[in-house]
Amino acid sequence: MAIDRVDDLKAFRDFVDAQLLNGGSDRTPEECLELWILENLTEEERAEVIEVVRLGLEDLNAGRTRPAREALSDLRRKYNLADST
């Protein structure tokens, strides 16, 4: 992340103020923080995120996915975790 801006508390406050003024008042604080981080990625970090998303879409289009319920069920069984539903 671009250290000069992402770690600037005043810049973050200004960002949150802008979110509130521009219709973002329905966002949670966590969503604002995630958006702040995304908007302050370096070009290298941004390229990495785009590549990961591209690979995920490639897997999806090639049918290399399975339902989340099935994957979570397998993880619960593998790690002896209680079913949360």
PDB file of N, CA and C in Angstrom:
ATOM      1  N   MET A   1       0.834  -1.187   0.000  1.00  0.00           N
ATOM      2  CA  MET A   1       0.000   0.000   0.000  1.00  0.00           C
ATOM      3  C   MET A   1       0.874   1.244   0.000  1.00  0.00           C
ATOM      4  N   ALA A   2       0.345   2.284  -0.533  1.00  0.00           N
ATOM      5  CA  ALA A   2       1.069   3.542  -0.569  1.00  0.00           C
ATOM      6  C   ALA A   2       1.123   4.124   0.835  1.00  0.00           C
ATOM      7  N   ILE A   3       2.254   3.949   1.493  1.00  0.00           N
ATOM      8  CA  ILE A   3       2.407   4.321   2.905  1.00  0.00           C
ATOM      9  C   ILE A   3       2.111   5.792   3.146  1.00  0.00           C
ATOM     10  N   ASP A   4       2.504   6.665   2.244  1.00  0.00           N
ATOM     11  CA  ASP A   4       2.331   8.093   2.479  1.00  0.00           C
ATOM     12  C   ASP A   4       0.867   8.494   2.624  1.00  0.00           C
ATOM     13  N   ARG A   5      -0.055   7.749   2.025  1.00  0.00           N
ATOM     14  CA  ARG A   5      -1.466   8.116   2.108  1.00  0.00           C
ATOM     15  C   ARG A   5      -2.267   7.143   2.967  1.00  0.00           C
ATOM     16  N   VAL A   6      -2.050   5.860   2.806  1.00  0.00           N
ATOM     17  CA  VAL A   6      -2.884   4.877   3.481  1.00  0.00           C
ATOM     18  C   VAL A   6      -2.751   4.962   5.000  1.00  0.00           C
ATOM     19  N   ASP A   7      -1.617   5.409   5.491  1.00  0.00           N
ATOM     20  CA  ASP A   7      -1.419   5.534   6.931  1.00  0.00           C
ATOM     21  C   ASP A   7      -1.722   6.943   7.454  1.00  0.00           C
ATOM     22  N   ASP A   8      -2.285   7.788   6.613  1.00  0.00           N
ATOM     23  CA  ASP A   8      -2.589   9.162   6.974  1.00  0.00           C
ATOM     24  C   ASP A   8      -4.016   9.238   7.528  1.00  0.00           C
ATOM     25  N   LEU A   9      -4.129   9.422   8.828  1.00  0.00           N
ATOM     26  CA  LEU A   9      -5.430   9.424   9.496  1.00  0.00           C
ATOM     27  C   LEU A   9      -6.333  10.549   8.988  1.00  0.00           C
ATOM     28  N   LYS A  10      -5.776  11.723   8.742  1.00  0.00           N
ATOM     29  CA  LYS A  10      -6.586  12.824   8.239  1.00  0.00           C
ATOM     30  C   LYS A  10      -7.133  12.496   6.850  1.00  0.00           C
ATOM     31  N   ALA A  11      -6.305  11.896   6.009  1.00  0.00           N
ATOM     32  CA  ALA A  11      -6.763  11.511   4.666  1.00  0.00           C
ATOM     33  C   ALA A  11      -7.892  10.475   4.776  1.00  0.00           C
ATOM     34  N   PHE A  12      -7.782   9.551   5.726  1.00  0.00           N
ATOM     35  CA  PHE A  12      -8.843   8.560   5.916  1.00  0.00           C
ATOM     36  C   PHE A  12     -10.129   9.236   6.401  1.00  0.00           C
ATOM     37  N   ARG A  13      -9.997  10.169   7.334  1.00  0.00           N
ATOM     38  CA  ARG A  13     -11.174  10.897   7.811  1.00  0.00           C
ATOM     39  C   ARG A  13     -11.841  11.644   6.669  1.00  0.00           C
ATOM     40  N   ASP A  14     -11.036  12.288   5.840  1.00  0.00           N
ATOM     41  CA  ASP A  14     -11.578  12.998   4.676  1.00  0.00           C
ATOM     42  C   ASP A  14     -12.283  12.032   3.728  1.00  0.00           C
ATOM     43  N   PHE A  15     -11.710  10.857   3.561  1.00  0.00           N
ATOM     44  CA  PHE A  15     -12.313   9.832   2.711  1.00  0.00           C
ATOM     45  C   PHE A  15     -13.677   9.414   3.273  1.00  0.00           C
ATOM     46  N   VAL A  16     -13.748   9.169   4.578  1.00  0.00           N
ATOM     47  CA  VAL A  16     -15.015   8.777   5.207  1.00  0.00           C
ATOM     48  C   VAL A  16     -16.026   9.913   5.088  1.00  0.00           C
ATOM     49  N   ASP A  17     -15.596  11.152   5.310  1.00  0.00           N
ATOM     50  CA  ASP A  17     -16.499  12.298   5.143  1.00  0.00           C
ATOM     51  C   ASP A  17     -17.061  12.345   3.725  1.00  0.00           C
ATOM     52  N   ALA A  18     -16.207  12.107   2.738  1.00  0.00           N
ATOM     53  CA  ALA A  18     -16.654  12.111   1.338  1.00  0.00           C
ATOM     54  C   ALA A  18     -17.649  10.978   1.093  1.00  0.00           C
ATOM     55  N   GLN A  19     -17.418   9.821   1.703  1.00  0.00           N
ATOM     56  CA  GLN A  19     -18.354   8.703   1.568  1.00  0.00           C
ATOM     57  C   GLN A  19     -19.722   9.091   2.107  1.00  0.00           C
ATOM     58  N   LEU A  20     -19.735   9.731   3.253  1.00  0.00           N
ATOM     59  CA  LEU A  20     -21.000  10.137   3.878  1.00  0.00           C
ATOM     60  C   LEU A  20     -21.733  11.181   3.041  1.00  0.00           C
ATOM     61  N   LEU A  21     -20.990  12.081   2.435  1.00  0.00           N
ATOM     62  CA  LEU A  21     -21.600  13.128   1.619  1.00  0.00           C
ATOM     63  C   LEU A  21     -22.102  12.620   0.271  1.00  0.00           C
ATOM     64  N   ASN A  22     -21.509  11.536  -0.211  1.00  0.00           N
ATOM     65  CA  ASN A  22     -21.814  11.038  -1.547  1.00  0.00           C
ATOM     66  C   ASN A  22     -22.648   9.766  -1.539  1.00  0.00           C
ATOM     67  N   GLY A  23     -23.519   9.615  -0.567  1.00  0.00           N
ATOM     68  CA  GLY A  23     -24.437   8.483  -0.557  1.00  0.00           C
ATOM     69  C   GLY A  23     -23.892   7.202   0.034  1.00  0.00           C
ATOM     70  N   GLY A  24     -22.767   7.263   0.691  1.00  0.00           N
ATOM     71  CA  GLY A  24     -22.183   6.058   1.269  1.00  0.00           C
ATOM     72  C   GLY A  24     -22.544   5.833   2.717  1.00  0.00           C
ATOM     73  N   SER A  25     -23.568   6.532   3.202  1.00  0.00           N
ATOM     74  CA  SER A  25     -23.903   6.435   4.631  1.00  0.00           C
ATOM     75  C   SER A  25     -24.452   5.065   5.017  1.00  0.00           C
ATOM     76  N   ASP A  26     -24.807   4.238   4.019  1.00  0.00           N
ATOM     77  CA  ASP A  26     -25.297   2.902   4.335  1.00  0.00           C
ATOM     78  C   ASP A  26     -24.156   1.894   4.463  1.00  0.00           C
ATOM     79  N   ARG A  27     -22.917   2.328   4.224  1.00  0.00           N
ATOM     80  CA  ARG A  27     -21.764   1.441   4.359  1.00  0.00           C
ATOM     81  C   ARG A  27     -21.410   1.268   5.831  1.00  0.00           C
ATOM     82  N   THR A  28     -20.898   0.078   6.148  1.00  0.00           N
ATOM     83  CA  THR A  28     -20.403  -0.164   7.502  1.00  0.00           C
ATOM     84  C   THR A  28     -18.986   0.407   7.613  1.00  0.00           C
ATOM     85  N   PRO A  29     -18.499   0.611   8.834  1.00  0.00           N
ATOM     86  CA  PRO A  29     -17.108   1.056   8.974  1.00  0.00           C
ATOM     87  C   PRO A  29     -16.123   0.084   8.311  1.00  0.00           C
ATOM     88  N   GLU A  30     -16.396  -1.213   8.408  1.00  0.00           N
ATOM     89  CA  GLU A  30     -15.530  -2.213   7.791  1.00  0.00           C
ATOM     90  C   GLU A  30     -15.513  -2.059   6.269  1.00  0.00           C
ATOM     91  N   GLU A  31     -16.685  -1.792   5.688  1.00  0.00           N
ATOM     92  CA  GLU A  31     -16.754  -1.601   4.237  1.00  0.00           C
ATOM     93  C   GLU A  31     -15.971  -0.363   3.813  1.00  0.00           C
ATOM     94  N   CYS A  32     -16.071   0.700   4.593  1.00  0.00           N
ATOM     95  CA  CYS A  32     -15.307   1.919   4.287  1.00  0.00           C
ATOM     96  C   CYS A  32     -13.811   1.643   4.361  1.00  0.00           C
ATOM     97  N   LEU A  33     -13.386   0.912   5.363  1.00  0.00           N
ATOM     98  CA  LEU A  33     -11.965   0.591   5.499  1.00  0.00           C
ATOM     99  C   LEU A  33     -11.490  -0.263   4.324  1.00  0.00           C
ATOM    100  N   GLU A  34     -12.283  -1.252   3.928  1.00  0.00           N
ATOM    101  CA  GLU A  34     -11.910  -2.093   2.789  1.00  0.00           C
ATOM    102  C   GLU A  34     -11.820  -1.271   1.508  1.00  0.00           C
ATOM    103  N   LEU A  35     -12.766  -0.381   1.306  1.00  0.00           N
ATOM    104  CA  LEU A  35     -12.749   0.481   0.128  1.00  0.00           C
ATOM    105  C   LEU A  35     -11.535   1.407   0.151  1.00  0.00           C
ATOM    106  N   TRP A  36     -11.220   1.943   1.320  1.00  0.00           N
ATOM    107  CA  TRP A  36     -10.041   2.799   1.491  1.00  0.00           C
ATOM    108  C   TRP A  36      -8.775   2.029   1.098  1.00  0.00           C
ATOM    109  N   ILE A  37      -8.662   0.813   1.586  1.00  0.00           N
ATOM    110  CA  ILE A  37      -7.483  -0.001   1.278  1.00  0.00           C
ATOM    111  C   ILE A  37      -7.406  -0.272  -0.221  1.00  0.00           C
ATOM    112  N   LEU A  38      -8.534  -0.643  -0.822  1.00  0.00           N
ATOM    113  CA  LEU A  38      -8.551  -0.915  -2.262  1.00  0.00           C
ATOM    114  C   LEU A  38      -8.161   0.309  -3.072  1.00  0.00           C
ATOM    115  N   GLU A  39      -8.642   1.464  -2.670  1.00  0.00           N
ATOM    116  CA  GLU A  39      -8.352   2.682  -3.417  1.00  0.00           C
ATOM    117  C   GLU A  39      -6.922   3.174  -3.223  1.00  0.00           C
ATOM    118  N   ASN A  40      -6.213   2.606  -2.263  1.00  0.00           N
ATOM    119  CA  ASN A  40      -4.849   3.045  -1.988  1.00  0.00           C
ATOM    120  C   ASN A  40      -3.805   1.959  -2.245  1.00  0.00           C
ATOM    121  N   LEU A  41      -4.155   0.973  -3.060  1.00  0.00           N
ATOM    122  CA  LEU A  41      -3.197  -0.060  -3.436  1.00  0.00           C
ATOM    123  C   LEU A  41      -2.131   0.530  -4.348  1.00  0.00           C
ATOM    124  N   THR A  42      -0.935  -0.037  -4.277  1.00  0.00           N
ATOM    125  CA  THR A  42       0.091   0.329  -5.245  1.00  0.00           C
ATOM    126  C   THR A  42      -0.275  -0.314  -6.575  1.00  0.00           C
ATOM    127  N   GLU A  43       0.366   0.108  -7.645  1.00  0.00           N
ATOM    128  CA  GLU A  43       0.097  -0.497  -8.958  1.00  0.00           C
ATOM    129  C   GLU A  43       0.419  -1.984  -8.939  1.00  0.00           C
ATOM    130  N   GLU A  44       1.475  -2.362  -8.236  1.00  0.00           N
ATOM    131  CA  GLU A  44       1.853  -3.783  -8.129  1.00  0.00           C
ATOM    132  C   GLU A  44       0.769  -4.571  -7.393  1.00  0.00           C
ATOM    133  N   GLU A  45       0.276  -4.038  -6.293  1.00  0.00           N
ATOM    134  CA  GLU A  45      -0.788  -4.712  -5.539  1.00  0.00           C
ATOM    135  C   GLU A  45      -2.065  -4.808  -6.362  1.00  0.00           C
ATOM    136  N   ARG A  46      -2.384  -3.735  -7.065  1.00  0.00           N
ATOM    137  CA  ARG A  46      -3.585  -3.718  -7.915  1.00  0.00           C
ATOM    138  C   ARG A  46      -3.482  -4.783  -8.999  1.00  0.00           C
ATOM    139  N   ALA A  47      -2.307  -4.898  -9.636  1.00  0.00           N
ATOM    140  CA  ALA A  47      -2.094  -5.905 -10.676  1.00  0.00           C
ATOM    141  C   ALA A  47      -2.242  -7.316 -10.098  1.00  0.00           C
ATOM    142  N   GLU A  48      -1.751  -7.519  -8.878  1.00  0.00           N
ATOM    143  CA  GLU A  48      -1.865  -8.825  -8.228  1.00  0.00           C
ATOM    144  C   GLU A  48      -3.330  -9.176  -7.957  1.00  0.00           C
ATOM    145  N   VAL A  49      -4.098  -8.218  -7.476  1.00  0.00           N
ATOM    146  CA  VAL A  49      -5.523  -8.449  -7.218  1.00  0.00           C
ATOM    147  C   VAL A  49      -6.249  -8.791  -8.517  1.00  0.00           C
ATOM    148  N   ILE A  50      -5.960  -8.046  -9.567  1.00  0.00           N
ATOM    149  CA  ILE A  50      -6.602  -8.294 -10.860  1.00  0.00           C
ATOM    150  C   ILE A  50      -6.260  -9.690 -11.364  1.00  0.00           C
ATOM    151  N   GLU A  51      -5.014 -10.108 -11.195  1.00  0.00           N
ATOM    152  CA  GLU A  51      -4.604 -11.449 -11.644  1.00  0.00           C
ATOM    153  C   GLU A  51      -5.319 -12.534 -10.857  1.00  0.00           C
ATOM    154  N   VAL A  52      -5.454 -12.372  -9.558  1.00  0.00           N
ATOM    155  CA  VAL A  52      -6.148 -13.372  -8.736  1.00  0.00           C
ATOM    156  C   VAL A  52      -7.615 -13.474  -9.140  1.00  0.00           C
ATOM    157  N   VAL A  53      -8.245 -12.335  -9.382  1.00  0.00           N
ATOM    158  CA  VAL A  53      -9.646 -12.345  -9.822  1.00  0.00           C
ATOM    159  C   VAL A  53      -9.757 -13.012 -11.191  1.00  0.00           C
ATOM    160  N   ARG A  54      -8.823 -12.702 -12.090  1.00  0.00           N
ATOM    161  CA  ARG A  54      -8.830 -13.314 -13.424  1.00  0.00           C
ATOM    162  C   ARG A  54      -8.716 -14.830 -13.328  1.00  0.00           C
ATOM    163  N   LEU A  55      -7.820 -15.307 -12.467  1.00  0.00           N
ATOM    164  CA  LEU A  55      -7.650 -16.753 -12.288  1.00  0.00           C
ATOM    165  C   LEU A  55      -8.919 -17.383 -11.709  1.00  0.00           C
ATOM    166  N   GLY A  56      -9.552 -16.696 -10.785  1.00  0.00           N
ATOM    167  CA  GLY A  56     -10.797 -17.197 -10.207  1.00  0.00           C
ATOM    168  C   GLY A  56     -11.901 -17.302 -11.246  1.00  0.00           C
ATOM    169  N   LEU A  57     -12.012 -16.291 -12.084  1.00  0.00           N
ATOM    170  CA  LEU A  57     -13.015 -16.321 -13.153  1.00  0.00           C
ATOM    171  C   LEU A  57     -12.706 -17.425 -14.160  1.00  0.00           C
ATOM    172  N   GLU A  58     -11.427 -17.637 -14.423  1.00  0.00           N
ATOM    173  CA  GLU A  58     -11.016 -18.718 -15.316  1.00  0.00           C
ATOM    174  C   GLU A  58     -11.447 -20.065 -14.742  1.00  0.00           C
ATOM    175  N   ASP A  59     -11.234 -20.269 -13.445  1.00  0.00           N
ATOM    176  CA  ASP A  59     -11.680 -21.504 -12.782  1.00  0.00           C
ATOM    177  C   ASP A  59     -13.189 -21.653 -12.874  1.00  0.00           C
ATOM    178  N   LEU A  60     -13.902 -20.574 -12.633  1.00  0.00           N
ATOM    179  CA  LEU A  60     -15.358 -20.602 -12.685  1.00  0.00           C
ATOM    180  C   LEU A  60     -15.841 -20.987 -14.083  1.00  0.00           C
ATOM    181  N   ASN A  61     -15.290 -20.350 -15.091  1.00  0.00           N
ATOM    182  CA  ASN A  61     -15.697 -20.627 -16.468  1.00  0.00           C
ATOM    183  C   ASN A  61     -15.326 -22.028 -16.925  1.00  0.00           C
ATOM    184  N   ALA A  62     -14.270 -22.597 -16.343  1.00  0.00           N
ATOM    185  CA  ALA A  62     -13.837 -23.947 -16.700  1.00  0.00           C
ATOM    186  C   ALA A  62     -14.539 -25.020 -15.862  1.00  0.00           C
ATOM    187  N   GLY A  63     -15.414 -24.596 -14.941  1.00  0.00           N
ATOM    188  CA  GLY A  63     -16.144 -25.562 -14.121  1.00  0.00           C
ATOM    189  C   GLY A  63     -15.332 -26.140 -12.978  1.00  0.00           C
ATOM    190  N   ARG A  64     -14.262 -25.476 -12.600  1.00  0.00           N
ATOM    191  CA  ARG A  64     -13.415 -25.970 -11.499  1.00  0.00           C
ATOM    192  C   ARG A  64     -13.849 -25.360 -10.165  1.00  0.00           C
ATOM    193  N   THR A  65     -15.122 -25.401  -9.901  1.00  0.00           N
ATOM    194  CA  THR A  65     -15.663 -24.881  -8.644  1.00  0.00           C
ATOM    195  C   THR A  65     -16.645 -25.899  -8.084  1.00  0.00           C
ATOM    196  N   ARG A  66     -17.052 -25.679  -6.852  1.00  0.00           N
ATOM    197  CA  ARG A  66     -18.106 -26.491  -6.248  1.00  0.00           C
ATOM    198  C   ARG A  66     -18.865 -25.619  -5.262  1.00  0.00           C
ATOM    199  N   PRO A  67     -20.059 -26.039  -4.905  1.00  0.00           N
ATOM    200  CA  PRO A  67     -20.868 -25.225  -3.998  1.00  0.00           C
ATOM    201  C   PRO A  67     -20.165 -24.972  -2.660  1.00  0.00           C
ATOM    202  N   ALA A  68     -20.327 -23.762  -2.136  1.00  0.00           N
ATOM    203  CA  ALA A  68     -19.705 -23.390  -0.861  1.00  0.00           C
ATOM    204  C   ALA A  68     -20.176 -24.299   0.265  1.00  0.00           C
ATOM    205  N   ARG A  69     -21.465 -24.649   0.281  1.00  0.00           N
ATOM    206  CA  ARG A  69     -21.983 -25.526   1.351  1.00  0.00           C
ATOM    207  C   ARG A  69     -21.230 -26.848   1.380  1.00  0.00           C
ATOM    208  N   GLU A  70     -20.947 -27.383   0.204  1.00  0.00           N
ATOM    209  CA  GLU A  70     -20.228 -28.651   0.111  1.00  0.00           C
ATOM    210  C   GLU A  70     -18.798 -28.498   0.630  1.00  0.00           C
ATOM    211  N   ALA A  71     -18.123 -27.430   0.221  1.00  0.00           N
ATOM    212  CA  ALA A  71     -16.749 -27.196   0.656  1.00  0.00           C
ATOM    213  C   ALA A  71     -16.686 -26.976   2.171  1.00  0.00           C
ATOM    214  N   LEU A  72     -17.619 -26.194   2.706  1.00  0.00           N
ATOM    215  CA  LEU A  72     -17.641 -25.945   4.158  1.00  0.00           C
ATOM    216  C   LEU A  72     -17.951 -27.215   4.933  1.00  0.00           C
ATOM    217  N   SER A  73     -18.852 -28.012   4.413  1.00  0.00           N
ATOM    218  CA  SER A  73     -19.182 -29.283   5.051  1.00  0.00           C
ATOM    219  C   SER A  73     -17.949 -30.187   5.115  1.00  0.00           C
ATOM    220  N   ASP A  74     -17.192 -30.233   4.030  1.00  0.00           N
ATOM    221  CA  ASP A  74     -15.962 -31.039   4.009  1.00  0.00           C
ATOM    222  C   ASP A  74     -14.954 -30.522   5.034  1.00  0.00           C
ATOM    223  N   LEU A  75     -14.817 -29.199   5.142  1.00  0.00           N
ATOM    224  CA  LEU A  75     -13.892 -28.630   6.125  1.00  0.00           C
ATOM    225  C   LEU A  75     -14.324 -28.940   7.555  1.00  0.00           C
ATOM    226  N   ARG A  76     -15.639 -28.837   7.816  1.00  0.00           N
ATOM    227  CA  ARG A  76     -16.135 -29.170   9.163  1.00  0.00           C
ATOM    228  C   ARG A  76     -15.833 -30.623   9.502  1.00  0.00           C
ATOM    229  N   ARG A  77     -16.057 -31.498   8.537  1.00  0.00           N
ATOM    230  CA  ARG A  77     -15.817 -32.920   8.757  1.00  0.00           C
ATOM    231  C   ARG A  77     -14.304 -33.168   8.967  1.00  0.00           C
ATOM    232  N   LYS A  78     -13.471 -32.563   8.123  1.00  0.00           N
ATOM    233  CA  LYS A  78     -12.024 -32.764   8.193  1.00  0.00           C
ATOM    234  C   LYS A  78     -11.449 -32.301   9.526  1.00  0.00           C
ATOM    235  N   TYR A  79     -11.961 -31.163  10.043  1.00  0.00           N
ATOM    236  CA  TYR A  79     -11.407 -30.589  11.269  1.00  0.00           C
ATOM    237  C   TYR A  79     -12.285 -30.799  12.499  1.00  0.00           C
ATOM    238  N   ASN A  80     -13.266 -31.720  12.372  1.00  0.00           N
ATOM    239  CA  ASN A  80     -14.139 -32.051  13.508  1.00  0.00           C
ATOM    240  C   ASN A  80     -14.820 -30.825  14.104  1.00  0.00           C
ATOM    241  N   LEU A  81     -15.386 -29.991  13.246  1.00  0.00           N
ATOM    242  CA  LEU A  81     -16.062 -28.789  13.703  1.00  0.00           C
ATOM    243  C   LEU A  81     -17.576 -29.009  13.698  1.00  0.00           C
ATOM    244  N   ALA A  82     -18.251 -28.376  14.630  1.00  0.00           N
ATOM    245  CA  ALA A  82     -19.712 -28.503  14.709  1.00  0.00           C
ATOM    246  C   ALA A  82     -20.354 -27.780  13.546  1.00  0.00           C
ATOM    247  N   ASP A  83     -21.472 -28.299  13.107  1.00  0.00           N
ATOM    248  CA  ASP A  83     -22.251 -27.668  12.053  1.00  0.00           C
ATOM    249  C   ASP A  83     -22.922 -26.428  12.624  1.00  0.00           C
ATOM    250  N   SER A  84     -22.737 -25.286  11.998  1.00  0.00           N
ATOM    251  CA  SER A  84     -23.271 -24.029  12.538  1.00  0.00           C
ATOM    252  C   SER A  84     -24.687 -23.735  12.069  1.00  0.00           C
ATOM    253  N   THR A  85     -25.285 -24.608  11.252  1.00  0.00           N
ATOM    254  CA  THR A  85     -26.647 -24.358  10.766  1.00  0.00           C
ATOM    255  C   THR A  85     -27.663 -25.070  11.590  1.00  0.00           C
TER     256      THR A  85
END
